[in-house]
Amino acid sequence: MPHERLTAAQEILFGARDLDQAGMKEFTEWDLTVSTWKRNPNRFGCRGYEDLYPDHKRVMMEIMGTTKKDNPLRRGWIEKTRANHYRLTDIGRSEADRLGGMKGQGEKSHRSPQPIYDAVAPLYRHPVFRKYCSDPNEPRMWLGAASFLGLTSNDAQHVEDRRKATRTAIENALAWLNETGSDSFRRGVSGGEEAISKESLLKLREFLEAIEKRFSHQFEAIKRTRK
């Protein structure tokens, strides 16, 4: 995918994917800076020395800028594992595949279902969703919705980011099925793991929308706490 078509956050996502594919399941912020710079020196190079040195501050500005909507951390594409260290998430792998499915020097590759499956499977298997499938009045309490979304706090930004990440996982899985003309998919091409059907994914999307509508007052109350 040409550089001019990618946002800064997407460039960083691909930089993280390059590290992940090289076997670095955890990497430092400096590893990520260099990897991203190699992809686009003009954008992430030190001014006047773009081809020689990366601009670490430029990359970290995109990651640490919490007010940015298109932030790789806020989108759930990468996550911080400890001080100065990050890893690519399943949603990040899924999104990188969706954005282009490119390998090496731009050779087109078939999109693997594995990262897409890994991103959506925890939602599909979640007990709160399973209860909803047999009883559409579930969850009756906010605690159930919070559990499904993976909320760890009532911070407004965190809540919004988790809603977006959940929707992204579902939509990417539906997009993969549409692209391949399939009615269901498994983690690997040769099988393995429980199959997830298109019907189940549509039910998941319905469930997310039901949660957002049912607990709209809670979402709005949390949103108002944003400073």
C-alpha atoms as a PDB file:
ATOM      1  CA  MET A   1       0.000   0.000   0.000  1.00  0.00           C
ATOM      2  CA  PRO A   2       1.527   3.371  -1.024  1.00  0.00           C
ATOM      3  CA  HIS A   3       2.785   5.575   1.799  1.00  0.00           C
ATOM      4  CA  GLU A   4       0.586   8.509   0.807  1.00  0.00           C
ATOM      5  CA  ARG A   5      -2.516   6.419   1.428  1.00  0.00           C
ATOM      6  CA  LEU A   6      -1.551   5.512   4.990  1.00  0.00           C
ATOM      7  CA  THR A   7      -2.060   7.613   8.096  1.00  0.00           C
ATOM      8  CA  ALA A   8       0.828   7.986  10.531  1.00  0.00           C
ATOM      9  CA  ALA A   9      -0.874   5.534  12.899  1.00  0.00           C
ATOM     10  CA  GLN A  10      -1.239   2.986  10.104  1.00  0.00           C
ATOM     11  CA  GLU A  11       2.453   3.356   9.207  1.00  0.00           C
ATOM     12  CA  ILE A  12       3.299   2.588  12.837  1.00  0.00           C
ATOM     13  CA  LEU A  13       0.965  -0.403  12.759  1.00  0.00           C
ATOM     14  CA  PHE A  14       2.847  -1.824   9.787  1.00  0.00           C
ATOM     15  CA  GLY A  15       6.134  -1.112  11.556  1.00  0.00           C
ATOM     16  CA  ALA A  16       4.878  -3.119  14.532  1.00  0.00           C
ATOM     17  CA  ARG A  17       3.741  -5.920  12.245  1.00  0.00           C
ATOM     18  CA  ASP A  18       7.184  -6.080  10.643  1.00  0.00           C
ATOM     19  CA  LEU A  19       8.705  -6.615  14.093  1.00  0.00           C
ATOM     20  CA  ASP A  20       6.077  -9.196  15.004  1.00  0.00           C
ATOM     21  CA  GLN A  21       6.676 -11.132  11.803  1.00  0.00           C
ATOM     22  CA  ALA A  22      10.412 -11.048  12.541  1.00  0.00           C
ATOM     23  CA  GLY A  23       9.679 -12.947  15.759  1.00  0.00           C
ATOM     24  CA  MET A  24       9.676  -9.993  18.153  1.00  0.00           C
ATOM     25  CA  LYS A  25       6.482 -10.619  20.085  1.00  0.00           C
ATOM     26  CA  GLU A  26       7.532  -7.811  22.433  1.00  0.00           C
ATOM     27  CA  PHE A  27       9.584  -4.845  21.259  1.00  0.00           C
ATOM     28  CA  THR A  28      10.864  -1.552  22.612  1.00  0.00           C
ATOM     29  CA  GLU A  29       9.670   1.869  21.533  1.00  0.00           C
ATOM     30  CA  TRP A  30      13.060   2.339  19.850  1.00  0.00           C
ATOM     31  CA  ASP A  31      12.638  -0.892  17.902  1.00  0.00           C
ATOM     32  CA  LEU A  32       9.268   0.410  16.752  1.00  0.00           C
ATOM     33  CA  THR A  33      10.703   3.799  15.814  1.00  0.00           C
ATOM     34  CA  VAL A  34      13.396   2.263  13.614  1.00  0.00           C
ATOM     35  CA  SER A  35      11.000  -0.219  12.018  1.00  0.00           C
ATOM     36  CA  THR A  36       8.495   2.516  11.185  1.00  0.00           C
ATOM     37  CA  TRP A  37      11.228   4.842   9.885  1.00  0.00           C
ATOM     38  CA  LYS A  38      12.518   2.140   7.547  1.00  0.00           C
ATOM     39  CA  ARG A  39       9.072   1.997   5.971  1.00  0.00           C
ATOM     40  CA  ASN A  40       8.852   5.743   5.383  1.00  0.00           C
ATOM     41  CA  PRO A  41      12.025   7.785   6.070  1.00  0.00           C
ATOM     42  CA  ASN A  42      10.488  10.959   4.638  1.00  0.00           C
ATOM     43  CA  ARG A  43       7.754  10.940   7.235  1.00  0.00           C
ATOM     44  CA  PHE A  44       9.613   9.595  10.243  1.00  0.00           C
ATOM     45  CA  GLY A  45      13.183  10.707   9.604  1.00  0.00           C
ATOM     46  CA  CYS A  46      15.124  13.369  11.469  1.00  0.00           C
ATOM     47  CA  ARG A  47      14.607  16.644   9.621  1.00  0.00           C
ATOM     48  CA  GLY A  48      17.402  17.222   7.159  1.00  0.00           C
ATOM     49  CA  TYR A  49      18.744  13.709   7.714  1.00  0.00           C
ATOM     50  CA  GLU A  50      15.680  11.694   6.796  1.00  0.00           C
ATOM     51  CA  ASP A  51      17.581   8.886   5.070  1.00  0.00           C
ATOM     52  CA  LEU A  52      20.138   8.575   7.857  1.00  0.00           C
ATOM     53  CA  TYR A  53      18.382   8.864  11.204  1.00  0.00           C
ATOM     54  CA  PRO A  54      14.885   8.157  12.573  1.00  0.00           C
ATOM     55  CA  ASP A  55      12.962  10.769  14.542  1.00  0.00           C
ATOM     56  CA  HIS A  56      11.989   8.951  17.727  1.00  0.00           C
ATOM     57  CA  LYS A  57       9.920  11.864  18.983  1.00  0.00           C
ATOM     58  CA  ARG A  58       7.876  11.889  15.762  1.00  0.00           C
ATOM     59  CA  VAL A  59       6.856   8.253  16.180  1.00  0.00           C
ATOM     60  CA  MET A  60       6.161   8.525  19.899  1.00  0.00           C
ATOM     61  CA  MET A  61       4.049  11.634  19.353  1.00  0.00           C
ATOM     62  CA  GLU A  62       1.594   9.436  17.450  1.00  0.00           C
ATOM     63  CA  ILE A  63       1.590   6.777  20.172  1.00  0.00           C
ATOM     64  CA  MET A  64       1.511   9.016  23.235  1.00  0.00           C
ATOM     65  CA  GLY A  65      -0.842  11.638  21.792  1.00  0.00           C
ATOM     66  CA  THR A  66      -3.899  10.474  23.695  1.00  0.00           C
ATOM     67  CA  THR A  67      -6.137  13.127  22.135  1.00  0.00           C
ATOM     68  CA  LYS A  68      -5.513  11.700  18.673  1.00  0.00           C
ATOM     69  CA  LYS A  69      -8.427   9.581  17.491  1.00  0.00           C
ATOM     70  CA  ASP A  70      -6.226   7.643  15.075  1.00  0.00           C
ATOM     71  CA  ASN A  71      -3.765   6.476  17.708  1.00  0.00           C
ATOM     72  CA  PRO A  72      -2.381   2.900  17.425  1.00  0.00           C
ATOM     73  CA  LEU A  73      -2.697   2.432  21.180  1.00  0.00           C
ATOM     74  CA  ARG A  74      -6.215   3.829  21.381  1.00  0.00           C
ATOM     75  CA  ARG A  75      -7.307   1.755  18.395  1.00  0.00           C
ATOM     76  CA  GLY A  76      -6.115  -1.378  20.179  1.00  0.00           C
ATOM     77  CA  TRP A  77      -3.574  -2.222  17.456  1.00  0.00           C
ATOM     78  CA  ILE A  78      -0.630  -2.314  19.867  1.00  0.00           C
ATOM     79  CA  GLU A  79      -0.541  -2.462  23.636  1.00  0.00           C
ATOM     80  CA  LYS A  80       1.990  -1.504  26.260  1.00  0.00           C
ATOM     81  CA  THR A  81       3.406  -4.533  28.072  1.00  0.00           C
ATOM     82  CA  ARG A  82       5.756  -2.701  30.448  1.00  0.00           C
ATOM     83  CA  ALA A  83       7.746   0.510  30.532  1.00  0.00           C
ATOM     84  CA  ASN A  84       8.910   1.395  26.995  1.00  0.00           C
ATOM     85  CA  HIS A  85       7.798  -1.982  25.612  1.00  0.00           C
ATOM     86  CA  TYR A  86       4.887  -2.893  23.339  1.00  0.00           C
ATOM     87  CA  ARG A  87       3.387  -5.801  21.445  1.00  0.00           C
ATOM     88  CA  LEU A  88       1.146  -6.169  18.415  1.00  0.00           C
ATOM     89  CA  THR A  89      -2.382  -7.276  19.321  1.00  0.00           C
ATOM     90  CA  ASP A  90      -4.648  -9.688  17.475  1.00  0.00           C
ATOM     91  CA  ILE A  91      -6.761  -6.725  16.413  1.00  0.00           C
ATOM     92  CA  GLY A  92      -3.606  -5.059  15.114  1.00  0.00           C
ATOM     93  CA  ARG A  93      -2.712  -8.108  13.028  1.00  0.00           C
ATOM     94  CA  SER A  94      -6.265  -8.249  11.731  1.00  0.00           C
ATOM     95  CA  GLU A  95      -6.264  -4.554  10.841  1.00  0.00           C
ATOM     96  CA  ALA A  96      -2.867  -4.739   9.128  1.00  0.00           C
ATOM     97  CA  ASP A  97      -4.174  -7.583   6.974  1.00  0.00           C
ATOM     98  CA  ARG A  98      -7.332  -5.641   6.170  1.00  0.00           C
ATOM     99  CA  LEU A  99      -5.373  -2.545   5.168  1.00  0.00           C
ATOM    100  CA  GLY A 100      -3.416  -4.282   2.523  1.00  0.00           C
ATOM    101  CA  GLY A 101      -2.274  -7.822   3.102  1.00  0.00           C
ATOM    102  CA  MET A 102       1.122  -6.860   1.763  1.00  0.00           C
ATOM    103  CA  LYS A 103       4.396  -8.755   2.249  1.00  0.00           C
ATOM    104  CA  GLY A 104       8.005  -7.833   1.716  1.00  0.00           C
ATOM    105  CA  GLN A 105       8.391  -5.323  -1.103  1.00  0.00           C
ATOM    106  CA  GLY A 106       4.694  -5.128  -1.875  1.00  0.00           C
ATOM    107  CA  GLU A 107       3.858  -8.620  -3.096  1.00  0.00           C
ATOM    108  CA  LYS A 108       0.187  -9.311  -2.616  1.00  0.00           C
ATOM    109  CA  SER A 109      -0.529 -12.176  -0.232  1.00  0.00           C
ATOM    110  CA  HIS A 110      -3.694 -14.000   0.691  1.00  0.00           C
ATOM    111  CA  ARG A 111      -5.133 -12.767   3.951  1.00  0.00           C
ATOM    112  CA  SER A 112      -4.774 -15.307   6.698  1.00  0.00           C
ATOM    113  CA  PRO A 113      -7.876 -15.887   8.838  1.00  0.00           C
ATOM    114  CA  GLN A 114      -5.732 -16.484  11.943  1.00  0.00           C
ATOM    115  CA  PRO A 115      -5.342 -12.902  13.281  1.00  0.00           C
ATOM    116  CA  ILE A 116      -8.948 -12.105  12.393  1.00  0.00           C
ATOM    117  CA  TYR A 117     -10.145 -15.237  14.162  1.00  0.00           C
ATOM    118  CA  ASP A 118      -7.971 -14.563  17.217  1.00  0.00           C
ATOM    119  CA  ALA A 119      -9.363 -11.042  17.509  1.00  0.00           C
ATOM    120  CA  VAL A 120     -13.038 -11.995  17.360  1.00  0.00           C
ATOM    121  CA  ALA A 121     -13.030 -15.434  19.028  1.00  0.00           C
ATOM    122  CA  PRO A 122     -12.887 -14.105  22.633  1.00  0.00           C
ATOM    123  CA  LEU A 123     -16.013 -12.045  21.916  1.00  0.00           C
ATOM    124  CA  TYR A 124     -17.802 -15.004  20.340  1.00  0.00           C
ATOM    125  CA  ARG A 125     -16.919 -17.247  23.288  1.00  0.00           C
ATOM    126  CA  HIS A 126     -17.681 -14.684  25.971  1.00  0.00           C
ATOM    127  CA  PRO A 127     -20.250 -16.018  28.458  1.00  0.00           C
ATOM    128  CA  VAL A 128     -22.219 -12.764  28.419  1.00  0.00           C
ATOM    129  CA  PHE A 129     -22.702 -13.053  24.653  1.00  0.00           C
ATOM    130  CA  ARG A 130     -23.635 -16.712  24.985  1.00  0.00           C
ATOM    131  CA  LYS A 131     -26.305 -15.789  27.532  1.00  0.00           C
ATOM    132  CA  TYR A 132     -27.648 -13.140  25.155  1.00  0.00           C
ATOM    133  CA  CYS A 133     -28.038 -15.762  22.420  1.00  0.00           C
ATOM    134  CA  SER A 134     -30.497 -17.683  24.597  1.00  0.00           C
ATOM    135  CA  ASP A 135     -31.977 -14.661  26.381  1.00  0.00           C
ATOM    136  CA  PRO A 136     -32.013 -11.298  24.514  1.00  0.00           C
ATOM    137  CA  ASN A 137     -32.618  -9.491  27.805  1.00  0.00           C
ATOM    138  CA  GLU A 138     -29.051 -10.257  28.851  1.00  0.00           C
ATOM    139  CA  PRO A 139     -27.045  -8.590  30.150  1.00  0.00           C
ATOM    140  CA  ARG A 140     -29.388  -6.986  32.611  1.00  0.00           C
ATOM    141  CA  MET A 141     -26.638  -5.228  34.531  1.00  0.00           C
ATOM    142  CA  TRP A 142     -23.886  -2.848  33.440  1.00  0.00           C
ATOM    143  CA  LEU A 143     -21.327  -5.241  34.926  1.00  0.00           C
ATOM    144  CA  GLY A 144     -22.096  -7.748  32.161  1.00  0.00           C
ATOM    145  CA  ALA A 145     -21.641  -5.179  29.407  1.00  0.00           C
ATOM    146  CA  ALA A 146     -18.399  -3.968  30.964  1.00  0.00           C
ATOM    147  CA  SER A 147     -17.107  -7.528  31.155  1.00  0.00           C
ATOM    148  CA  PHE A 148     -17.880  -8.196  27.489  1.00  0.00           C
ATOM    149  CA  LEU A 149     -16.143  -4.999  26.386  1.00  0.00           C
ATOM    150  CA  GLY A 150     -13.111  -5.784  28.530  1.00  0.00           C
ATOM    151  CA  LEU A 151     -13.346  -2.574  30.539  1.00  0.00           C
ATOM    152  CA  THR A 152     -10.792  -2.178  33.312  1.00  0.00           C
ATOM    153  CA  SER A 153     -11.872   1.320  34.365  1.00  0.00           C
ATOM    154  CA  ASN A 154     -14.607   3.889  33.813  1.00  0.00           C
ATOM    155  CA  ASP A 155     -12.193   6.272  32.121  1.00  0.00           C
ATOM    156  CA  ALA A 156     -14.058   7.838  29.186  1.00  0.00           C
ATOM    157  CA  GLN A 157     -11.233   7.375  26.697  1.00  0.00           C
ATOM    158  CA  HIS A 158     -10.684   3.762  27.705  1.00  0.00           C
ATOM    159  CA  VAL A 159     -14.388   2.954  27.352  1.00  0.00           C
ATOM    160  CA  GLU A 160     -14.608   4.532  23.914  1.00  0.00           C
ATOM    161  CA  ASP A 161     -11.447   2.782  22.757  1.00  0.00           C
ATOM    162  CA  ARG A 162     -12.763  -0.609  23.860  1.00  0.00           C
ATOM    163  CA  ARG A 163     -16.044  -0.034  22.023  1.00  0.00           C
ATOM    164  CA  LYS A 164     -14.159   0.791  18.837  1.00  0.00           C
ATOM    165  CA  ALA A 165     -11.794  -2.158  19.194  1.00  0.00           C
ATOM    166  CA  THR A 166     -14.712  -4.531  19.716  1.00  0.00           C
ATOM    167  CA  ARG A 167     -16.510  -3.221  16.653  1.00  0.00           C
ATOM    168  CA  THR A 168     -13.309  -3.421  14.589  1.00  0.00           C
ATOM    169  CA  ALA A 169     -12.814  -7.090  15.487  1.00  0.00           C
ATOM    170  CA  ILE A 170     -16.363  -7.940  14.420  1.00  0.00           C
ATOM    171  CA  GLU A 171     -16.328  -5.878  11.214  1.00  0.00           C
ATOM    172  CA  ASN A 172     -12.952  -7.246  10.102  1.00  0.00           C
ATOM    173  CA  ALA A 173     -14.234 -10.803  10.513  1.00  0.00           C
ATOM    174  CA  LEU A 174     -17.366 -10.025   8.494  1.00  0.00           C
ATOM    175  CA  ALA A 175     -15.245  -8.344   5.826  1.00  0.00           C
ATOM    176  CA  TRP A 176     -13.043 -11.446   5.542  1.00  0.00           C
ATOM    177  CA  LEU A 177     -16.083 -13.670   5.036  1.00  0.00           C
ATOM    178  CA  ASN A 178     -17.450 -11.300   2.406  1.00  0.00           C
ATOM    179  CA  GLU A 179     -14.108 -11.203   0.586  1.00  0.00           C
ATOM    180  CA  THR A 180     -13.816 -14.974   0.486  1.00  0.00           C
ATOM    181  CA  GLY A 181     -17.493 -15.693  -0.085  1.00  0.00           C
ATOM    182  CA  SER A 182     -17.531 -17.945   2.979  1.00  0.00           C
ATOM    183  CA  ASP A 183     -20.317 -18.571   5.457  1.00  0.00           C
ATOM    184  CA  SER A 184     -17.962 -19.447   8.317  1.00  0.00           C
ATOM    185  CA  PHE A 185     -14.262 -19.640   9.119  1.00  0.00           C
ATOM    186  CA  ARG A 186     -11.771 -21.314  11.415  1.00  0.00           C
ATOM    187  CA  ARG A 187      -8.451 -20.131  12.777  1.00  0.00           C
ATOM    188  CA  GLY A 188      -6.369 -21.838  10.113  1.00  0.00           C
ATOM    189  CA  VAL A 189      -6.865 -22.681   6.478  1.00  0.00           C
ATOM    190  CA  SER A 190      -6.625 -26.391   7.287  1.00  0.00           C
ATOM    191  CA  GLY A 191      -9.088 -26.109  10.163  1.00  0.00           C
ATOM    192  CA  GLY A 192      -8.628 -26.240  13.908  1.00  0.00           C
ATOM    193  CA  GLU A 193     -10.604 -24.407  16.577  1.00  0.00           C
ATOM    194  CA  GLU A 194     -14.377 -23.983  16.553  1.00  0.00           C
ATOM    195  CA  ALA A 195     -15.845 -22.555  13.363  1.00  0.00           C
ATOM    196  CA  ILE A 196     -17.460 -19.119  13.650  1.00  0.00           C
ATOM    197  CA  SER A 197     -20.330 -18.523  11.253  1.00  0.00           C
ATOM    198  CA  LYS A 198     -21.382 -15.330   9.537  1.00  0.00           C
ATOM    199  CA  GLU A 199     -24.684 -15.642  11.358  1.00  0.00           C
ATOM    200  CA  SER A 200     -22.829 -15.619  14.692  1.00  0.00           C
ATOM    201  CA  LEU A 201     -20.823 -12.556  13.677  1.00  0.00           C
ATOM    202  CA  LEU A 202     -23.984 -10.706  12.726  1.00  0.00           C
ATOM    203  CA  LYS A 203     -25.403 -11.718  16.106  1.00  0.00           C
ATOM    204  CA  LEU A 204     -22.270 -10.322  17.768  1.00  0.00           C
ATOM    205  CA  ARG A 205     -22.727  -7.020  15.961  1.00  0.00           C
ATOM    206  CA  GLU A 206     -26.380  -6.989  17.014  1.00  0.00           C
ATOM    207  CA  PHE A 207     -25.300  -7.673  20.596  1.00  0.00           C
ATOM    208  CA  LEU A 208     -22.831  -4.784  20.614  1.00  0.00           C
ATOM    209  CA  GLU A 209     -25.492  -2.433  19.296  1.00  0.00           C
ATOM    210  CA  ALA A 210     -27.946  -3.725  21.915  1.00  0.00           C
ATOM    211  CA  ILE A 211     -25.435  -3.026  24.670  1.00  0.00           C
ATOM    212  CA  GLU A 212     -24.774   0.479  23.380  1.00  0.00           C
ATOM    213  CA  LYS A 213     -28.492   1.235  23.269  1.00  0.00           C
ATOM    214  CA  ARG A 214     -29.449  -0.492  26.515  1.00  0.00           C
ATOM    215  CA  PHE A 215     -26.712   1.177  28.541  1.00  0.00           C
ATOM    216  CA  SER A 216     -26.658   4.497  26.709  1.00  0.00           C
ATOM    217  CA  HIS A 217     -27.146   6.406  29.970  1.00  0.00           C
ATOM    218  CA  GLN A 218     -24.067   4.760  31.479  1.00  0.00           C
ATOM    219  CA  PHE A 219     -22.007   5.478  28.383  1.00  0.00           C
ATOM    220  CA  GLU A 220     -23.123   9.102  28.379  1.00  0.00           C
ATOM    221  CA  ALA A 221     -22.399   9.491  32.094  1.00  0.00           C
ATOM    222  CA  ILE A 222     -18.884   8.157  31.591  1.00  0.00           C
ATOM    223  CA  LYS A 223     -18.391  10.382  28.556  1.00  0.00           C
ATOM    224  CA  ARG A 224     -19.276  13.453  30.631  1.00  0.00           C
ATOM    225  CA  THR A 225     -16.443  12.674  33.040  1.00  0.00           C
ATOM    226  CA  ARG A 226     -13.875  13.388  30.304  1.00  0.00           C
ATOM    227  CA  LYS A 227     -11.879  16.445  31.222  1.00  0.00           C
END
